[in-house]
């Protein structure tokens, strides 16, 4: 299986790669490369990969640590040597500049909004009103926008690492606390707060799918503002609630009709 970072090196000392392409076959097709044998019966190309070489749970979130150069499926042409490895590492640096345009440091240690309590303010309620108007779009918008941003080259590595790191770090504690505070019917709304937070870790994205917004503006910032203010909103179809603290205590309740009447 092809994984990031993937490239093709040719026997004449050139390297081909493209951010967004992990498949060696796709790279060959993209650059119209000759993958047949030379007159000596050796392949004219080498399929190489450079991958994280660390013991972290989510190794792709550590671009600064050691990465390992290897050939795909152990196929090593006789002409492949150390100079080609250096070529690959140089290309890796360029690939990282394109790929790591997100807040991977915070991805490693996601912020847990329920680590402390917060006293409700009028601005929090205004943020909740904005959140109530956009939260239903979060799941698909964040997932597809982030995937487009990091492209196929990291769909199964970086995107999965970010998503799972945030979920592993905060989801269980948040969901267990909120569920004890209210009931299972609020699951979707709590999940989408997590999605809004994940999206905020990708400030390079200027256009988010499936929702109208000003370019460069993060349309789900209201959910993040609540999150960073140690508040988790939940909605059971009738009532919006704001939870805070380790036990996700309900500190504010309002019906959706009443919330709609509040001035922004």
Protein backbone atom coordinates (compact mmCIF):
# COMPACT_ATOMS: atom_id res chain seq x y z
CA UNK A 1 0.00 0.00 0.00
CA UNK A 2 1.37 3.42 -0.93
CA UNK A 3 1.84 5.85 1.92
CA UNK A 4 3.08 9.40 2.36
CA UNK A 5 5.61 10.56 1.29
CA UNK A 6 5.80 8.72 -2.05
CA UNK A 7 7.88 9.51 -5.12
CA UNK A 8 9.40 8.03 -8.25
CA UNK A 9 13.15 8.22 -8.87
CA UNK A 10 14.46 7.53 -12.35
CA UNK A 11 17.76 5.94 -13.31
CA UNK A 12 18.96 9.25 -14.75
CA UNK A 13 18.74 10.87 -11.31
CA UNK A 14 15.43 12.70 -11.39
CA UNK A 15 12.66 12.57 -8.80
CA UNK A 16 8.95 12.98 -9.41
CA UNK A 17 6.28 13.62 -6.80
CA UNK A 18 3.18 15.70 -6.33
CA UNK A 19 1.39 16.77 -3.17
CA UNK A 20 -1.91 14.98 -3.34
CA UNK A 21 -0.61 11.81 -4.95
CA UNK A 22 0.46 8.84 -2.86
CA UNK A 23 -0.02 6.15 -5.47
CA UNK A 24 3.16 5.38 -7.39
CA UNK A 25 1.08 4.34 -10.36
CA UNK A 26 -0.66 7.72 -10.32
CA UNK A 27 2.68 9.52 -10.18
CA UNK A 28 3.91 7.47 -13.14
CA UNK A 29 0.76 8.35 -15.07
CA UNK A 30 0.85 12.03 -14.06
CA UNK A 31 4.41 12.52 -15.34
CA UNK A 32 4.18 9.94 -18.16
CA UNK A 33 7.15 7.99 -16.87
CA UNK A 34 8.60 4.82 -18.39
CA UNK A 35 8.26 1.95 -15.92
CA UNK A 36 9.71 -0.74 -18.18
CA UNK A 37 13.09 -2.45 -17.84
CA UNK A 38 16.33 -1.15 -19.36
CA UNK A 39 18.60 -3.15 -21.64
CA UNK A 40 20.18 -4.78 -18.59
CA UNK A 41 16.83 -6.05 -17.40
CA UNK A 42 16.71 -3.55 -14.53
CA UNK A 43 13.78 -1.22 -13.85
CA UNK A 44 14.17 2.34 -15.16
CA UNK A 45 12.39 3.71 -12.10
CA UNK A 46 12.40 3.17 -8.35
CA UNK A 47 9.27 3.48 -6.25
CA UNK A 48 10.33 5.07 -3.00
CA UNK A 49 8.66 6.21 0.21
CA UNK A 50 9.78 8.34 3.14
CA UNK A 51 7.68 7.73 6.25
CA UNK A 52 7.73 8.75 9.93
CA UNK A 53 10.17 6.66 11.94
CA UNK A 54 9.05 7.23 15.51
CA UNK A 55 7.10 5.37 18.17
CA UNK A 56 4.45 8.02 18.68
CA UNK A 57 0.81 6.95 18.61
CA UNK A 58 0.18 9.36 15.73
CA UNK A 59 3.57 9.51 13.98
CA UNK A 60 2.38 11.79 11.17
CA UNK A 61 1.83 14.59 13.69
CA UNK A 62 5.60 14.80 14.27
CA UNK A 63 7.13 16.05 11.03
CA UNK A 64 10.24 17.28 12.86
CA UNK A 65 11.24 13.80 14.05
CA UNK A 66 13.13 11.21 12.04
CA UNK A 67 11.63 9.93 8.78
CA UNK A 68 12.73 6.69 7.13
CA UNK A 69 13.63 6.26 3.46
CA UNK A 70 12.59 2.96 1.89
CA UNK A 71 11.62 1.36 -1.39
CA UNK A 72 8.08 0.24 -1.98
CA UNK A 73 7.59 -3.52 -1.62
CA UNK A 74 11.35 -4.03 -1.33
CA UNK A 75 12.03 -3.63 -5.07
CA UNK A 76 15.52 -2.10 -5.34
CA UNK A 77 17.03 -1.44 -8.80
CA UNK A 78 20.79 -2.00 -8.94
CA UNK A 79 21.46 1.63 -9.90
CA UNK A 80 19.74 3.05 -6.79
CA UNK A 81 22.34 4.55 -4.41
CA UNK A 82 22.90 7.06 -1.61
CA UNK A 83 22.63 10.04 -3.93
CA UNK A 84 19.06 9.08 -4.70
CA UNK A 85 18.27 8.85 -0.99
CA UNK A 86 19.57 12.40 -0.52
CA UNK A 87 17.40 13.47 -3.43
CA UNK A 88 14.37 11.95 -1.71
CA UNK A 89 15.03 13.69 1.59
CA UNK A 90 15.38 17.03 -0.19
CA UNK A 91 12.01 16.46 -1.89
CA UNK A 92 10.52 15.49 1.47
CA UNK A 93 11.36 18.95 2.85
CA UNK A 94 9.47 20.58 0.00
CA UNK A 95 6.52 18.23 0.49
CA UNK A 96 6.36 19.06 4.19
CA UNK A 97 6.17 22.79 3.43
CA UNK A 98 3.03 22.13 1.42
CA UNK A 99 1.51 19.50 3.67
CA UNK A 100 2.08 20.78 7.20
CA UNK A 101 0.11 24.00 6.99
CA UNK A 102 -2.05 23.12 9.97
CA UNK A 103 -1.64 23.36 13.72
CA UNK A 104 -0.09 19.96 14.30
CA UNK A 105 1.32 21.03 17.67
CA UNK A 106 -2.17 21.55 19.08
CA UNK A 107 -3.30 18.37 17.36
CA UNK A 108 -0.90 16.49 19.60
CA UNK A 109 -2.41 17.99 22.76
CA UNK A 110 -5.96 19.07 21.92
CA UNK A 111 -7.68 21.51 24.24
CA UNK A 112 -10.26 19.92 26.52
CA UNK A 113 -13.05 22.44 27.13
CA UNK A 114 -14.20 20.72 30.31
CA UNK A 115 -10.96 21.06 32.23
CA UNK A 116 -12.41 23.97 34.18
CA UNK A 117 -15.64 25.85 34.73
CA UNK A 118 -16.79 29.04 33.09
CA UNK A 119 -19.34 31.66 34.13
CA UNK A 120 -21.82 32.41 31.34
CA UNK A 121 -21.71 35.85 29.71
CA UNK A 122 -24.00 37.61 27.26
CA UNK A 123 -21.38 37.07 24.57
CA UNK A 124 -21.46 33.32 25.20
CA UNK A 125 -25.20 33.33 24.54
CA UNK A 126 -24.69 35.31 21.32
CA UNK A 127 -22.03 32.79 20.28
CA UNK A 128 -24.51 29.99 20.99
CA UNK A 129 -27.08 31.65 18.73
CA UNK A 130 -24.57 31.80 15.87
CA UNK A 131 -23.54 28.20 16.55
CA UNK A 132 -27.17 27.07 16.45
CA UNK A 133 -27.45 28.47 12.93
CA UNK A 134 -24.43 26.61 11.50
CA UNK A 135 -23.76 23.48 13.54
CA UNK A 136 -25.72 21.14 11.26
CA UNK A 137 -23.21 21.82 8.44
CA UNK A 138 -20.09 21.09 10.44
CA UNK A 139 -19.60 17.37 9.95
CA UNK A 140 -19.52 17.18 6.15
CA UNK A 141 -17.95 20.60 5.70
CA UNK A 142 -14.98 20.00 7.97
CA UNK A 143 -14.36 16.45 6.80
CA UNK A 144 -14.42 17.22 3.08
CA UNK A 145 -12.74 20.64 3.31
CA UNK A 146 -9.83 19.28 5.33
CA UNK A 147 -9.45 16.29 3.03
CA UNK A 148 -9.34 18.61 0.02
CA UNK A 149 -6.81 20.81 1.79
CA UNK A 150 -4.39 18.04 2.70
CA UNK A 151 -5.39 16.09 -0.42
CA UNK A 152 -5.18 12.37 -1.00
CA UNK A 153 -1.56 12.28 0.08
CA UNK A 154 -2.55 12.45 3.72
CA UNK A 155 -6.18 11.32 3.71
CA UNK A 156 -5.35 8.07 5.48
CA UNK A 157 -2.40 9.38 7.47
CA UNK A 158 -2.53 13.00 8.57
CA UNK A 159 -6.31 13.50 8.43
CA UNK A 160 -6.89 10.29 10.37
CA UNK A 161 -4.17 11.23 12.85
CA UNK A 162 -5.71 14.65 13.55
CA UNK A 163 -9.24 13.29 13.85
CA UNK A 164 -8.28 10.36 16.06
CA UNK A 165 -5.92 12.37 18.25
CA UNK A 166 -8.64 14.90 19.09
CA UNK A 167 -11.22 12.19 19.62
CA UNK A 168 -8.94 10.09 21.79
CA UNK A 169 -7.90 13.07 23.87
CA UNK A 170 -11.23 14.75 24.49
CA UNK A 171 -14.20 12.90 23.00
CA UNK A 172 -14.65 10.16 25.61
CA UNK A 173 -14.37 12.51 28.56
CA UNK A 174 -16.65 15.12 27.02
CA UNK A 175 -19.27 12.68 25.83
CA UNK A 176 -19.35 10.69 29.06
CA UNK A 177 -19.73 13.87 31.08
CA UNK A 178 -22.42 15.40 28.88
CA UNK A 179 -24.34 12.13 28.62
CA UNK A 180 -24.42 11.87 32.40
CA UNK A 181 -25.62 15.46 32.55
CA UNK A 182 -28.45 15.05 30.04
CA UNK A 183 -29.13 12.11 27.69
CA UNK A 184 -28.07 10.31 24.52
CA UNK A 185 -30.27 12.43 22.24
CA UNK A 186 -27.67 15.23 22.26
CA UNK A 187 -24.94 13.05 20.74
CA UNK A 188 -24.92 14.69 17.29
CA UNK A 189 -24.62 18.23 18.60
CA UNK A 190 -21.75 17.36 20.94
CA UNK A 191 -19.96 15.46 18.17
CA UNK A 192 -20.25 18.49 15.90
CA UNK A 193 -18.60 20.73 18.49
CA UNK A 194 -15.63 18.39 18.26
CA UNK A 195 -15.77 18.73 14.46
CA UNK A 196 -15.76 22.54 14.68
CA UNK A 197 -12.68 22.40 16.90
CA UNK A 198 -10.89 20.06 14.49
CA UNK A 199 -11.61 22.40 11.59
CA UNK A 200 -10.08 25.33 13.49
CA UNK A 201 -6.75 23.49 13.47
CA UNK A 202 -6.52 24.10 9.70
CA UNK A 203 -6.21 27.91 9.36
CA UNK A 204 -4.86 27.52 5.83
CA UNK A 205 -8.34 26.66 4.54
CA UNK A 206 -10.06 29.79 3.25
CA UNK A 207 -13.17 28.25 1.68
CA UNK A 208 -15.29 25.72 3.54
CA UNK A 209 -17.62 23.40 1.68
CA UNK A 210 -21.41 23.33 1.86
CA UNK A 211 -21.83 26.62 3.73
CA UNK A 212 -21.90 30.26 2.64
CA UNK A 213 -19.31 32.45 4.32
CA UNK A 214 -16.84 35.23 3.62
CA UNK A 215 -13.60 33.88 2.17
CA UNK A 216 -10.95 33.52 4.84
CA UNK A 217 -13.55 33.44 7.60
CA UNK A 218 -14.01 30.24 9.60
CA UNK A 219 -17.80 29.70 9.56
CA UNK A 220 -17.79 27.54 12.68
CA UNK A 221 -15.74 29.88 14.87
CA UNK A 222 -18.66 30.37 17.24
CA UNK A 223 -18.38 26.72 18.26
CA UNK A 224 -14.65 27.14 18.80
CA UNK A 225 -15.18 30.29 20.87
CA UNK A 226 -17.51 28.38 23.16
CA UNK A 227 -15.03 25.48 23.26
CA UNK A 228 -12.12 27.72 24.26
CA UNK A 229 -14.37 29.38 26.86
CA UNK A 230 -14.79 25.94 28.45
CA UNK A 231 -18.33 25.50 27.24
CA UNK A 232 -19.79 22.57 25.33
CA UNK A 233 -23.22 23.14 23.72
CA UNK A 234 -25.76 20.36 23.36
CA UNK A 235 -29.13 20.23 21.62
CA UNK A 236 -31.85 17.62 22.00
CA UNK A 237 -34.08 18.94 19.22
CA UNK A 238 -35.92 21.36 21.47
CA UNK A 239 -33.55 22.81 24.04
CA UNK A 240 -30.02 24.17 23.75
CA UNK A 241 -27.79 23.75 26.79
CA UNK A 242 -24.31 24.90 27.72
CA UNK A 243 -22.18 22.58 29.83
CA UNK A 244 -19.02 23.42 31.76
CA UNK A 245 -16.57 21.81 34.17
CA UNK A 246 -15.41 18.23 34.61
CA UNK A 247 -18.93 16.98 35.25
CA UNK A 248 -20.36 18.96 32.32
CA UNK A 249 -22.77 20.80 34.58
CA UNK A 250 -25.62 22.50 32.72
CA UNK A 251 -25.21 26.24 33.34
CA UNK A 252 -27.60 27.55 30.71
CA UNK A 253 -30.76 26.29 29.00
CA UNK A 254 -32.90 27.89 26.32
CA UNK A 255 -35.41 26.68 23.76
CA UNK A 256 -34.51 27.04 20.12
CA UNK A 257 -37.40 29.51 19.68
CA UNK A 258 -36.19 31.70 22.53
CA UNK A 259 -32.63 31.56 21.26
CA UNK A 260 -33.73 32.73 17.83
CA UNK A 261 -35.25 35.86 19.36
CA UNK A 262 -32.01 36.96 21.06
CA UNK A 263 -30.31 39.87 19.34
CA UNK A 264 -26.95 39.05 17.81
